[in-house]
Amino acid sequence: MFDRFKPQSKRLEAAAAETEDVARRWAGEHEIRLVLAALVVGFVIVFYWSSIVISIGSGQAGVLWSRFFGTEVNSVYPEGIHFILPIDIMTIYNVRYQKIDREFDVLTKDGLSIKVDLSIRFKPIEKLLGRLHQSVGPDYVETVVVPEVGMALRAVIGQYRPEELYATSFSKIEEDVVQLAREQVRSRYVLIDDVLIYKITLPPIVSTAIQRKLEQEQAALEMQYRLEKTRQEAERKKLEAQGIKMYQQTIASGLTNQVLAYESIQAALALANSPNSKVIVLGGGGGSGSGGFPFFFNMEGAKPGAAVKPK
């Protein structure tokens, strides 16, 4: 049954051998051209390798511009390796939070020129990176972020007088600047995270005058504090004197000659029981005419608690 297929198989083998032979002869005739072509292709690949193989690092994203279709505004290339045509261009953006320091010359409410040093923290909105690239471009920091923050800062500082800047917290000014700047740059596909003011420099004359005024205000407050403290101390002494007076009046109303005599006797007895040598004088102090009876005791050599005859 398989014998009828043998002629056909031989014909196929003969055709394959003939084709291989033709290819070998063609390669032999065009060997130099093939080698040159391979060298050219290899050179092109090596030369355009950086334009064909694109590596996007951590914290970055890419936007592709096609030679035939333009910017791919709805596509953002994430981290990793991507292959593109060498005629296309991949622009890589930093999508992390970034910080820049700037100095601005602004005018106060009085038209006085001052310098404000601040830091701006921002980042591009990653999902809108294609539109940012098409509308603004890679230089969006100097094109959008810095001018818009400067405009917001001038609008906020312009509401204050120079001396009010000393009394106003930096955080209040920062909040107003951030709020105004965010409204301006959000439509340009950038997020302003925060604005940090770390120095406001006034002209030397104005700064000296404000410092002198603040010192005088502090001196006035100190004097007011001292006067108040003195008034309170006088009030305290007055109340203390009244209390002493009331106490003395209360004690005086209850003191009689009998009470005084009794207390004197008790004190003498307590002193007599002391082991020390002493001379004790007891008496009414008014002589015999006042009903007093002075006694003189020589306690030397006497036993504690023993009665001693008067001399």
Protein backbone atom coordinates (compact mmCIF):
# COMPACT_ATOMS: atom_id res chain seq x y z
CA MET A 1 0.00 0.00 0.00
CA PHE A 2 2.91 2.29 0.72
CA ASP A 3 4.71 1.59 -2.53
CA ARG A 4 2.66 4.14 -4.43
CA PHE A 5 3.98 6.92 -2.15
CA LYS A 6 7.65 6.13 -2.72
CA PRO A 7 7.98 8.00 -6.06
CA GLN A 8 6.40 11.11 -4.53
CA SER A 9 8.72 10.95 -1.51
CA LYS A 10 11.75 10.69 -3.77
CA ARG A 11 10.61 13.70 -5.71
CA LEU A 12 10.28 15.76 -2.48
CA GLU A 13 13.71 14.74 -1.32
CA ALA A 14 15.14 15.66 -4.69
CA ALA A 15 13.42 19.06 -4.60
CA ALA A 16 14.70 19.74 -1.07
CA ALA A 17 18.20 18.77 -2.05
CA GLU A 18 18.05 20.97 -5.09
CA THR A 19 16.75 23.92 -3.06
CA GLU A 20 19.51 23.44 -0.51
CA ASP A 21 22.07 23.30 -3.24
CA VAL A 22 20.72 26.50 -4.81
CA ALA A 23 20.76 28.25 -1.45
CA ARG A 24 24.31 27.11 -0.82
CA ARG A 25 25.46 28.36 -4.21
CA TRP A 26 23.62 31.71 -3.65
CA ALA A 27 25.21 32.10 -0.23
CA GLY A 28 28.57 31.35 -1.67
CA GLU A 29 28.10 33.92 -4.39
CA HIS A 30 26.80 36.61 -1.90
CA GLU A 31 28.88 35.70 1.13
CA ILE A 32 30.63 39.04 1.29
CA ARG A 33 27.34 40.95 0.98
CA LEU A 34 25.73 38.89 3.76
CA VAL A 35 28.66 39.52 6.06
CA LEU A 36 28.52 43.24 5.36
CA ALA A 37 24.77 43.30 5.92
CA ALA A 38 25.13 41.52 9.26
CA LEU A 39 27.84 43.94 10.32
CA VAL A 40 25.68 46.89 9.35
CA VAL A 41 22.66 45.53 11.26
CA GLY A 42 24.82 44.79 14.30
CA PHE A 43 26.33 48.28 14.20
CA VAL A 44 22.89 49.87 13.93
CA ILE A 45 21.61 47.87 16.91
CA VAL A 46 24.64 48.75 19.05
CA PHE A 47 24.56 52.41 18.02
CA TYR A 48 20.82 52.83 18.69
CA TRP A 49 20.68 50.47 21.67
CA SER A 50 20.00 53.29 24.13
CA SER A 51 17.18 54.52 21.88
CA ILE A 52 15.61 51.09 21.53
CA VAL A 53 15.91 49.65 25.04
CA ILE A 54 14.63 52.10 27.66
CA SER A 55 15.13 51.44 31.38
CA ILE A 56 12.86 53.35 33.77
CA GLY A 57 14.12 53.36 37.34
CA SER A 58 12.44 53.42 40.73
CA GLY A 59 10.32 56.49 41.37
CA GLN A 60 10.18 57.34 37.66
CA ALA A 61 7.64 57.14 34.84
CA GLY A 62 7.93 57.60 31.08
CA VAL A 63 5.95 59.35 28.35
CA LEU A 64 6.40 58.22 24.74
CA TRP A 65 6.47 60.54 21.76
CA SER A 66 5.89 58.63 18.51
CA ARG A 67 7.26 59.86 15.21
CA PHE A 68 4.01 58.84 13.52
CA PHE A 69 1.33 59.39 16.22
CA GLY A 70 2.72 62.09 18.52
CA THR A 71 2.57 62.09 22.33
CA GLU A 72 0.70 59.24 23.96
CA VAL A 73 -1.18 61.39 26.47
CA ASN A 74 -3.21 58.51 27.90
CA SER A 75 -0.31 56.12 28.42
CA VAL A 76 2.28 56.28 31.19
CA TYR A 77 5.14 53.78 31.14
CA PRO A 78 5.93 52.41 34.62
CA GLU A 79 9.23 51.22 36.07
CA GLY A 80 11.12 48.54 34.17
CA ILE A 81 12.56 47.90 30.67
CA HIS A 82 10.64 48.94 27.54
CA PHE A 83 11.44 48.53 23.82
CA ILE A 84 10.61 51.30 21.38
CA LEU A 85 11.49 52.29 17.85
CA PRO A 86 14.74 54.22 17.55
CA ILE A 87 12.87 57.04 15.82
CA ASP A 88 10.58 57.50 18.86
CA ILE A 89 11.52 59.40 22.04
CA MET A 90 10.84 58.33 25.63
CA THR A 91 10.93 61.15 28.21
CA ILE A 92 11.43 60.04 31.80
CA TYR A 93 9.98 62.04 34.71
CA ASN A 94 10.69 61.91 38.44
CA VAL A 95 7.30 61.22 40.06
CA ARG A 96 8.55 61.32 43.65
CA TYR A 97 8.10 64.27 46.00
CA GLN A 98 10.72 66.87 45.21
CA LYS A 99 11.95 70.00 47.01
CA ILE A 100 13.47 73.20 45.71
CA ASP A 101 14.62 76.35 47.55
CA ARG A 102 13.92 79.79 46.19
CA GLU A 103 14.21 83.44 47.24
CA PHE A 104 11.44 85.85 46.26
CA ASP A 105 11.26 89.65 46.33
CA VAL A 106 7.74 90.65 47.40
CA LEU A 107 5.94 93.82 48.44
CA THR A 108 4.05 94.34 51.69
CA LYS A 109 0.78 96.20 52.09
CA ASP A 110 2.76 99.45 52.46
CA GLY A 111 4.76 98.81 49.30
CA LEU A 112 7.91 97.88 51.21
CA SER A 113 10.18 95.39 49.41
CA ILE A 114 11.17 92.35 51.47
CA LYS A 115 12.88 89.03 50.75
CA VAL A 116 11.27 85.68 51.52
CA ASP A 117 13.27 82.43 51.52
CA LEU A 118 11.20 79.28 51.26
CA SER A 119 11.15 75.65 50.17
CA ILE A 120 8.57 74.19 47.79
CA ARG A 121 7.62 70.51 48.01
CA PHE A 122 5.79 69.18 44.95
CA LYS A 123 5.33 66.26 42.55
CA PRO A 124 3.77 65.75 39.11
CA ILE A 125 0.43 63.97 39.00
CA GLU A 126 1.50 60.59 37.62
CA LYS A 127 -1.70 59.59 35.84
CA LEU A 128 -1.71 62.95 34.01
CA LEU A 129 1.97 62.82 33.11
CA GLY A 130 1.23 62.57 29.38
CA ARG A 131 -0.82 65.74 29.40
CA LEU A 132 1.85 67.52 31.47
CA HIS A 133 4.45 66.52 28.89
CA GLN A 134 2.32 67.70 26.00
CA SER A 135 1.16 70.98 27.60
CA VAL A 136 4.20 72.08 29.61
CA GLY A 137 7.16 69.76 29.13
CA PRO A 138 10.04 68.55 31.30
CA ASP A 139 10.87 72.09 32.47
CA TYR A 140 7.56 72.36 34.33
CA VAL A 141 9.31 73.31 37.60
CA GLU A 142 10.55 76.66 36.30
CA THR A 143 7.58 77.09 33.98
CA VAL A 144 4.73 76.34 36.37
CA VAL A 145 5.74 75.57 39.97
CA VAL A 146 8.06 78.48 40.79
CA PRO A 147 6.02 81.24 39.05
CA GLU A 148 2.70 80.11 40.54
CA VAL A 149 4.09 79.83 44.07
CA GLY A 150 5.71 83.25 43.65
CA MET A 151 2.41 84.75 42.57
CA ALA A 152 0.57 83.17 45.52
CA LEU A 153 3.26 84.41 47.92
CA ARG A 154 3.01 87.97 46.62
CA ALA A 155 -0.78 87.90 46.93
CA VAL A 156 -0.60 86.71 50.56
CA ILE A 157 2.28 88.93 51.74
CA GLY A 158 0.60 91.93 50.11
CA GLN A 159 -2.13 91.71 52.77
CA TYR A 160 0.26 92.38 55.67
CA ARG A 161 2.14 95.37 56.99
CA PRO A 162 5.83 94.83 57.92
CA GLU A 163 5.21 94.79 61.67
CA GLU A 164 2.33 92.33 61.21
CA LEU A 165 4.72 89.82 59.68
CA TYR A 166 6.49 89.60 63.04
CA ALA A 167 3.25 88.99 64.91
CA THR A 168 1.79 86.54 62.39
CA SER A 169 2.83 82.91 62.54
CA PHE A 170 4.69 81.57 59.50
CA SER A 171 2.29 78.61 59.46
CA LYS A 172 -0.67 80.92 58.74
CA ILE A 173 1.14 82.50 55.78
CA GLU A 174 2.25 79.06 54.54
CA GLU A 175 -1.30 77.70 54.64
CA ASP A 176 -2.62 80.63 52.61
CA VAL A 177 0.19 80.32 50.05
CA VAL A 178 -0.29 76.55 49.65
CA GLN A 179 -4.04 76.88 49.25
CA LEU A 180 -3.75 79.57 46.58
CA ALA A 181 -0.87 77.88 44.73
CA ARG A 182 -2.64 74.51 44.63
CA GLU A 183 -5.63 76.04 42.91
CA GLN A 184 -3.36 77.52 40.24
CA VAL A 185 -1.13 74.53 39.43
CA ARG A 186 -3.72 71.74 39.71
CA SER A 187 -5.01 72.61 36.25
CA ARG A 188 -1.42 72.21 35.01
CA TYR A 189 -1.11 68.63 36.29
CA VAL A 190 1.21 69.36 39.25
CA LEU A 191 0.53 68.89 42.97
CA ILE A 192 1.92 71.42 45.48
CA ASP A 193 2.34 69.46 48.70
CA ASP A 194 3.64 72.21 50.99
CA VAL A 195 5.45 75.55 51.13
CA LEU A 196 7.87 76.09 54.03
CA ILE A 197 8.97 79.64 54.84
CA TYR A 198 12.20 79.72 56.82
CA LYS A 199 13.23 83.40 56.61
CA ILE A 200 11.68 86.81 55.97
CA THR A 201 14.23 89.60 55.57
CA LEU A 202 13.17 93.22 56.06
CA PRO A 203 15.30 96.29 55.28
CA PRO A 204 17.70 97.02 58.16
CA ILE A 205 16.08 100.36 59.09
CA VAL A 206 12.60 98.86 59.25
CA SER A 207 13.80 95.79 61.10
CA THR A 208 15.57 97.95 63.71
CA ALA A 209 12.49 100.12 64.20
CA ILE A 210 10.23 97.10 64.65
CA GLN A 211 12.67 95.52 67.09
CA ARG A 212 12.79 98.74 69.12
CA LYS A 213 9.00 98.92 69.18
CA LEU A 214 8.72 95.32 70.32
CA GLU A 215 11.28 95.91 73.05
CA GLN A 216 9.33 98.94 74.32
CA GLU A 217 6.12 96.93 74.32
CA GLN A 218 7.80 94.20 76.32
CA ALA A 219 9.19 96.76 78.77
CA ALA A 220 5.70 98.23 79.21
CA LEU A 221 4.28 94.78 79.84
CA GLU A 222 7.02 94.10 82.38
CA MET A 223 6.29 97.36 84.21
CA GLN A 224 2.58 96.58 84.23
CA TYR A 225 3.37 93.16 85.67
CA ARG A 226 5.53 94.68 88.41
CA LEU A 227 2.82 97.21 89.35
CA GLU A 228 0.23 94.48 89.51
CA LYS A 229 2.53 92.35 91.65
CA THR A 230 3.18 95.29 94.01
CA ARG A 231 -0.55 95.97 94.31
CA GLN A 232 -1.22 92.34 95.13
CA GLU A 233 1.57 92.33 97.74
CA ALA A 234 0.12 95.48 99.37
CA GLU A 235 -3.30 93.86 99.42
CA ARG A 236 -1.80 90.75 101.02
CA LYS A 237 -0.06 92.76 103.76
CA LYS A 238 -3.25 94.69 104.41
CA LEU A 239 -5.22 91.49 104.87
CA GLU A 240 -2.44 90.07 107.05
CA ALA A 241 -2.47 93.17 109.28
CA GLN A 242 -6.23 92.98 109.65
CA GLY A 243 -5.95 89.34 110.63
CA ILE A 244 -3.31 90.10 113.26
CA LYS A 245 -5.43 92.93 114.64
CA MET A 246 -8.49 90.72 114.91
CA TYR A 247 -6.40 88.01 116.59
CA GLN A 248 -5.00 90.43 119.15
CA GLN A 249 -8.45 91.81 119.88
CA THR A 250 -9.79 88.31 120.40
CA ILE A 251 -6.91 87.36 122.73
CA ALA A 252 -7.10 90.64 124.67
CA SER A 253 -10.78 90.22 125.37
CA GLY A 254 -10.13 86.88 127.08
CA LEU A 255 -7.03 87.80 129.13
CA THR A 256 -7.64 88.55 132.86
CA ASN A 257 -5.27 88.89 135.83
CA GLN A 258 -6.29 85.46 137.07
CA VAL A 259 -5.50 83.88 133.73
CA LEU A 260 -2.12 85.60 133.54
CA ALA A 261 -1.25 84.50 137.07
CA TYR A 262 -2.22 80.93 136.34
CA GLU A 263 -0.13 80.83 133.17
CA SER A 264 2.84 82.29 135.07
CA ILE A 265 2.58 79.60 137.74
CA GLN A 266 2.42 76.86 135.10
CA ALA A 267 5.50 78.25 133.36
CA ALA A 268 7.37 78.46 136.65
CA LEU A 269 6.53 74.87 137.54
CA ALA A 270 7.73 73.64 134.16
CA LEU A 271 10.93 75.58 134.53
CA ALA A 272 11.42 74.36 138.09
CA ASN A 273 11.35 70.76 136.93
CA SER A 274 14.30 71.45 134.63
CA PRO A 275 17.64 69.95 135.84
CA ASN A 276 19.59 73.10 135.01
CA SER A 277 20.81 75.54 137.70
CA LYS A 278 18.96 78.83 137.56
CA VAL A 279 17.47 81.70 139.51
CA ILE A 280 13.73 82.17 139.14
CA VAL A 281 12.00 85.44 139.99
CA LEU A 282 8.23 85.30 140.36
CA GLY A 283 6.11 88.27 141.08
CA GLY A 284 3.26 90.41 139.94
CA GLY A 285 5.59 93.16 138.78
CA GLY A 286 3.44 95.73 140.47
CA GLY A 287 4.79 95.45 144.01
CA SER A 288 2.77 94.69 147.08
CA GLY A 289 0.38 97.48 146.26
CA SER A 290 -0.88 95.67 143.17
CA GLY A 291 -1.49 92.44 145.05
CA GLY A 292 1.58 90.75 143.54
CA PHE A 293 3.92 88.62 145.59
CA PRO A 294 7.46 88.37 144.19
CA PHE A 295 9.48 85.28 145.20
CA PHE A 296 13.18 84.63 144.67
CA PHE A 297 14.43 81.09 144.49
CA ASN A 298 17.99 79.88 144.30
CA MET A 299 17.72 76.56 142.42
CA GLU A 300 21.42 75.68 142.66
CA GLY A 301 21.84 72.40 144.50
CA ALA A 302 18.10 71.83 144.77
CA LYS A 303 16.62 68.63 143.58
CA PRO A 304 14.24 68.79 140.66
CA GLY A 305 10.70 69.13 141.89
CA ALA A 306 11.75 69.93 145.54
CA ALA A 307 10.23 72.90 147.33
CA VAL A 308 12.61 75.77 148.04
CA LYS A 309 12.06 78.33 150.75
CA PRO A 310 12.25 81.97 149.78
CA LYS A 311 15.08 84.04 151.15
